[in-house]
């Protein structure tokens, strides 16, 4: 079967348009997951913003799940004091990237977020991932040790 040059160009154009549409839809889906309304952010993050409203621009929150259970991904950039506040207030414990929820955190990161490196320090709520807990704020945090940037997997089970 032979195709003319015009037919091949048309097939190539249609294929390119399909790829462009797919990429646009994927980008749009990712933008919709981002929460810009601070009232929909995790309560502990809202409390930090209430005390220091200027921190809002340093925080990005993505909704991973939310109905009765709430799972959010939070990035805090250049505000190590906010990260330290969460670690201290919720008495988080050191862990590592073998934590049961580390894979979910890493796979959920939007493509424009920096992935935690081996030098990152990991913290978790006591029992998170090993004991079923309801009605408490649960965290898994990967902290960049020099700048204090953090990526947080937040979970709250009703």
C-alpha atoms as a PDB file:
ATOM      1  CA  UNK A   1       0.000   0.000   0.000  1.00  0.00           C
ATOM      2  CA  UNK A   2       1.452   3.352  -0.991  1.00  0.00           C
ATOM      3  CA  UNK A   3       0.594   6.747   0.477  1.00  0.00           C
ATOM      4  CA  UNK A   4       1.105  10.040  -1.197  1.00  0.00           C
ATOM      5  CA  UNK A   5       3.235  12.704   0.439  1.00  0.00           C
ATOM      6  CA  UNK A   6       0.100  14.738   1.102  1.00  0.00           C
ATOM      7  CA  UNK A   7      -1.542  11.802   2.944  1.00  0.00           C
ATOM      8  CA  UNK A   8       1.564  11.213   5.061  1.00  0.00           C
ATOM      9  CA  UNK A   9       1.713  14.896   5.988  1.00  0.00           C
ATOM     10  CA  UNK A  10      -1.969  14.849   6.932  1.00  0.00           C
ATOM     11  CA  UNK A  11      -1.488  11.741   9.111  1.00  0.00           C
ATOM     12  CA  UNK A  12       1.533  13.390  10.776  1.00  0.00           C
ATOM     13  CA  UNK A  13      -0.446  16.574  11.424  1.00  0.00           C
ATOM     14  CA  UNK A  14      -3.366  14.668  12.966  1.00  0.00           C
ATOM     15  CA  UNK A  15      -0.963  12.676  15.151  1.00  0.00           C
ATOM     16  CA  UNK A  16       0.806  15.884  16.317  1.00  0.00           C
ATOM     17  CA  UNK A  17      -2.551  17.494  17.163  1.00  0.00           C
ATOM     18  CA  UNK A  18      -3.561  14.439  19.206  1.00  0.00           C
ATOM     19  CA  UNK A  19      -0.303  14.607  21.181  1.00  0.00           C
ATOM     20  CA  UNK A  20      -0.722  18.351  21.768  1.00  0.00           C
ATOM     21  CA  UNK A  21      -4.286  17.810  23.004  1.00  0.00           C
ATOM     22  CA  UNK A  22      -3.158  15.041  25.354  1.00  0.00           C
ATOM     23  CA  UNK A  23      -0.377  17.204  26.836  1.00  0.00           C
ATOM     24  CA  UNK A  24      -2.783  20.145  27.261  1.00  0.00           C
ATOM     25  CA  UNK A  25      -5.371  17.973  29.032  1.00  0.00           C
ATOM     26  CA  UNK A  26      -2.719  16.484  31.352  1.00  0.00           C
ATOM     27  CA  UNK A  27      -1.403  19.977  32.229  1.00  0.00           C
ATOM     28  CA  UNK A  28      -4.933  21.258  32.822  1.00  0.00           C
ATOM     29  CA  UNK A  29      -5.714  18.293  35.090  1.00  0.00           C
ATOM     30  CA  UNK A  30      -2.609  19.050  37.155  1.00  0.00           C
ATOM     31  CA  UNK A  31      -3.525  22.752  37.450  1.00  0.00           C
ATOM     32  CA  UNK A  32      -6.989  21.844  38.699  1.00  0.00           C
ATOM     33  CA  UNK A  33      -5.551  19.754  41.506  1.00  0.00           C
ATOM     34  CA  UNK A  34      -3.632  22.753  42.868  1.00  0.00           C
ATOM     35  CA  UNK A  35      -5.504  24.466  45.679  1.00  0.00           C
ATOM     36  CA  UNK A  36      -5.229  28.249  45.701  1.00  0.00           C
ATOM     37  CA  UNK A  37      -8.022  28.755  48.231  1.00  0.00           C
ATOM     38  CA  UNK A  38      -6.218  28.692  51.598  1.00  0.00           C
ATOM     39  CA  UNK A  39      -9.455  27.600  53.332  1.00  0.00           C
ATOM     40  CA  UNK A  40      -9.062  24.212  51.620  1.00  0.00           C
ATOM     41  CA  UNK A  41      -5.464  23.780  52.816  1.00  0.00           C
ATOM     42  CA  UNK A  42      -4.671  21.432  55.720  1.00  0.00           C
ATOM     43  CA  UNK A  43      -5.608  22.960  59.076  1.00  0.00           C
ATOM     44  CA  UNK A  44      -2.013  23.035  60.401  1.00  0.00           C
ATOM     45  CA  UNK A  45      -0.890  24.940  57.284  1.00  0.00           C
ATOM     46  CA  UNK A  46      -3.840  27.341  57.655  1.00  0.00           C
ATOM     47  CA  UNK A  47      -2.727  28.022  61.244  1.00  0.00           C
ATOM     48  CA  UNK A  48       0.788  28.919  60.066  1.00  0.00           C
ATOM     49  CA  UNK A  49      -0.616  31.236  57.392  1.00  0.00           C
ATOM     50  CA  UNK A  50      -2.927  32.885  59.938  1.00  0.00           C
ATOM     51  CA  UNK A  51       0.070  33.818  62.119  1.00  0.00           C
ATOM     52  CA  UNK A  52       2.349  34.728  59.175  1.00  0.00           C
ATOM     53  CA  UNK A  53       0.232  35.717  56.141  1.00  0.00           C
ATOM     54  CA  UNK A  54       3.355  36.641  54.158  1.00  0.00           C
ATOM     55  CA  UNK A  55       4.243  32.941  53.958  1.00  0.00           C
ATOM     56  CA  UNK A  56       1.316  32.195  51.606  1.00  0.00           C
ATOM     57  CA  UNK A  57       3.428  32.745  48.473  1.00  0.00           C
ATOM     58  CA  UNK A  58       5.982  30.193  49.728  1.00  0.00           C
ATOM     59  CA  UNK A  59       3.401  27.396  49.982  1.00  0.00           C
ATOM     60  CA  UNK A  60       1.859  25.252  47.270  1.00  0.00           C
ATOM     61  CA  UNK A  61      -0.847  22.718  48.054  1.00  0.00           C
ATOM     62  CA  UNK A  62      -2.211  19.971  45.841  1.00  0.00           C
ATOM     63  CA  UNK A  63      -5.303  17.920  46.575  1.00  0.00           C
ATOM     64  CA  UNK A  64      -4.687  14.191  46.234  1.00  0.00           C
ATOM     65  CA  UNK A  65      -7.875  12.937  47.887  1.00  0.00           C
ATOM     66  CA  UNK A  66     -10.666  14.582  49.730  1.00  0.00           C
ATOM     67  CA  UNK A  67     -14.032  13.350  50.822  1.00  0.00           C
ATOM     68  CA  UNK A  68     -14.157  11.886  54.291  1.00  0.00           C
ATOM     69  CA  UNK A  69     -10.406  11.329  54.250  1.00  0.00           C
ATOM     70  CA  UNK A  70      -8.102  14.144  53.277  1.00  0.00           C
ATOM     71  CA  UNK A  71      -4.735  13.674  51.569  1.00  0.00           C
ATOM     72  CA  UNK A  72      -2.791  16.674  50.378  1.00  0.00           C
ATOM     73  CA  UNK A  73       0.673  17.363  49.070  1.00  0.00           C
ATOM     74  CA  UNK A  74       2.312  20.539  50.370  1.00  0.00           C
ATOM     75  CA  UNK A  75       5.545  22.257  49.328  1.00  0.00           C
ATOM     76  CA  UNK A  76       7.078  24.946  51.512  1.00  0.00           C
ATOM     77  CA  UNK A  77       9.940  26.874  49.907  1.00  0.00           C
ATOM     78  CA  UNK A  78      12.490  29.015  51.698  1.00  0.00           C
ATOM     79  CA  UNK A  79      10.666  29.061  55.046  1.00  0.00           C
ATOM     80  CA  UNK A  80      12.530  26.647  57.349  1.00  0.00           C
ATOM     81  CA  UNK A  81      10.866  28.201  60.423  1.00  0.00           C
ATOM     82  CA  UNK A  82       7.446  27.009  59.187  1.00  0.00           C
ATOM     83  CA  UNK A  83       8.775  23.509  58.598  1.00  0.00           C
ATOM     84  CA  UNK A  84      10.426  23.470  62.054  1.00  0.00           C
ATOM     85  CA  UNK A  85       7.136  24.614  63.596  1.00  0.00           C
ATOM     86  CA  UNK A  86       5.291  21.621  62.112  1.00  0.00           C
ATOM     87  CA  UNK A  87       8.036  19.186  63.148  1.00  0.00           C
ATOM     88  CA  UNK A  88       8.087  20.507  66.732  1.00  0.00           C
ATOM     89  CA  UNK A  89       4.362  21.108  67.231  1.00  0.00           C
ATOM     90  CA  UNK A  90       3.364  17.643  66.030  1.00  0.00           C
ATOM     91  CA  UNK A  91       6.382  15.911  67.621  1.00  0.00           C
ATOM     92  CA  UNK A  92       7.445  14.302  64.379  1.00  0.00           C
ATOM     93  CA  UNK A  93      10.057  11.571  64.437  1.00  0.00           C
ATOM     94  CA  UNK A  94      12.953  11.029  62.054  1.00  0.00           C
ATOM     95  CA  UNK A  95      12.407   8.357  59.443  1.00  0.00           C
ATOM     96  CA  UNK A  96      13.766   7.701  55.962  1.00  0.00           C
ATOM     97  CA  UNK A  97      12.616   7.146  52.401  1.00  0.00           C
ATOM     98  CA  UNK A  98      11.629   3.544  53.223  1.00  0.00           C
ATOM     99  CA  UNK A  99       8.574   4.863  55.100  1.00  0.00           C
ATOM    100  CA  UNK A 100       5.361   3.081  53.953  1.00  0.00           C
ATOM    101  CA  UNK A 101       4.019   6.334  52.421  1.00  0.00           C
ATOM    102  CA  UNK A 102       7.275   7.584  50.879  1.00  0.00           C
ATOM    103  CA  UNK A 103       6.441   5.993  47.535  1.00  0.00           C
ATOM    104  CA  UNK A 104       3.057   7.757  47.456  1.00  0.00           C
ATOM    105  CA  UNK A 105       4.716  11.078  48.257  1.00  0.00           C
ATOM    106  CA  UNK A 106       7.355  10.648  45.540  1.00  0.00           C
ATOM    107  CA  UNK A 107       4.899   9.450  42.884  1.00  0.00           C
ATOM    108  CA  UNK A 108       2.409  12.244  43.638  1.00  0.00           C
ATOM    109  CA  UNK A 109       4.836  15.123  43.147  1.00  0.00           C
ATOM    110  CA  UNK A 110       3.872  17.457  40.314  1.00  0.00           C
ATOM    111  CA  UNK A 111       6.460  17.417  37.547  1.00  0.00           C
ATOM    112  CA  UNK A 112       7.685  20.958  38.307  1.00  0.00           C
ATOM    113  CA  UNK A 113       8.471  20.173  41.979  1.00  0.00           C
ATOM    114  CA  UNK A 114      11.964  19.206  43.048  1.00  0.00           C
ATOM    115  CA  UNK A 115      12.226  15.539  43.970  1.00  0.00           C
ATOM    116  CA  UNK A 116      13.684  14.742  47.410  1.00  0.00           C
ATOM    117  CA  UNK A 117      17.356  13.821  47.130  1.00  0.00           C
ATOM    118  CA  UNK A 118      19.323  11.334  49.279  1.00  0.00           C
ATOM    119  CA  UNK A 119      20.545  14.241  51.441  1.00  0.00           C
ATOM    120  CA  UNK A 120      16.983  15.132  52.503  1.00  0.00           C
ATOM    121  CA  UNK A 121      15.968  14.476  56.108  1.00  0.00           C
ATOM    122  CA  UNK A 122      12.644  12.672  56.539  1.00  0.00           C
ATOM    123  CA  UNK A 123      10.156  13.088  59.410  1.00  0.00           C
ATOM    124  CA  UNK A 124       6.873  11.358  60.183  1.00  0.00           C
ATOM    125  CA  UNK A 125       4.045  11.410  62.676  1.00  0.00           C
ATOM    126  CA  UNK A 126       4.353   8.662  65.296  1.00  0.00           C
ATOM    127  CA  UNK A 127       2.628   5.541  63.986  1.00  0.00           C
ATOM    128  CA  UNK A 128       1.824   7.003  60.560  1.00  0.00           C
ATOM    129  CA  UNK A 129       1.880   4.111  58.124  1.00  0.00           C
ATOM    130  CA  UNK A 130       1.948   1.413  60.787  1.00  0.00           C
ATOM    131  CA  UNK A 131      -0.993   2.178  63.119  1.00  0.00           C
ATOM    132  CA  UNK A 132      -4.501   3.146  61.982  1.00  0.00           C
ATOM    133  CA  UNK A 133      -5.279   6.603  63.394  1.00  0.00           C
ATOM    134  CA  UNK A 134      -8.411   8.690  62.935  1.00  0.00           C
ATOM    135  CA  UNK A 135      -9.052  12.350  63.644  1.00  0.00           C
ATOM    136  CA  UNK A 136      -5.390  13.353  63.861  1.00  0.00           C
ATOM    137  CA  UNK A 137      -3.078  15.264  61.548  1.00  0.00           C
ATOM    138  CA  UNK A 138      -0.554  12.876  59.998  1.00  0.00           C
ATOM    139  CA  UNK A 139       2.601  14.008  58.207  1.00  0.00           C
ATOM    140  CA  UNK A 140       5.431  12.611  56.154  1.00  0.00           C
ATOM    141  CA  UNK A 141       7.967  15.349  55.451  1.00  0.00           C
ATOM    142  CA  UNK A 142      11.134  15.371  53.345  1.00  0.00           C
ATOM    143  CA  UNK A 143      13.276  18.400  54.251  1.00  0.00           C
ATOM    144  CA  UNK A 144      16.170  19.779  52.209  1.00  0.00           C
ATOM    145  CA  UNK A 145      18.825  20.267  54.926  1.00  0.00           C
ATOM    146  CA  UNK A 146      20.481  23.490  53.686  1.00  0.00           C
ATOM    147  CA  UNK A 147      17.599  25.742  52.579  1.00  0.00           C
ATOM    148  CA  UNK A 148      14.918  24.071  54.666  1.00  0.00           C
ATOM    149  CA  UNK A 149      12.557  23.528  51.733  1.00  0.00           C
ATOM    150  CA  UNK A 150      10.086  20.739  52.411  1.00  0.00           C
ATOM    151  CA  UNK A 151       7.695  18.435  50.622  1.00  0.00           C
ATOM    152  CA  UNK A 152       4.886  17.185  52.849  1.00  0.00           C
ATOM    153  CA  UNK A 153       2.372  14.395  52.488  1.00  0.00           C
ATOM    154  CA  UNK A 154      -0.502  15.361  54.785  1.00  0.00           C
ATOM    155  CA  UNK A 155      -3.211  12.898  55.770  1.00  0.00           C
ATOM    156  CA  UNK A 156      -6.275  13.264  57.931  1.00  0.00           C
ATOM    157  CA  UNK A 157      -8.703  10.367  58.332  1.00  0.00           C
ATOM    158  CA  UNK A 158     -12.210  11.179  59.526  1.00  0.00           C
END
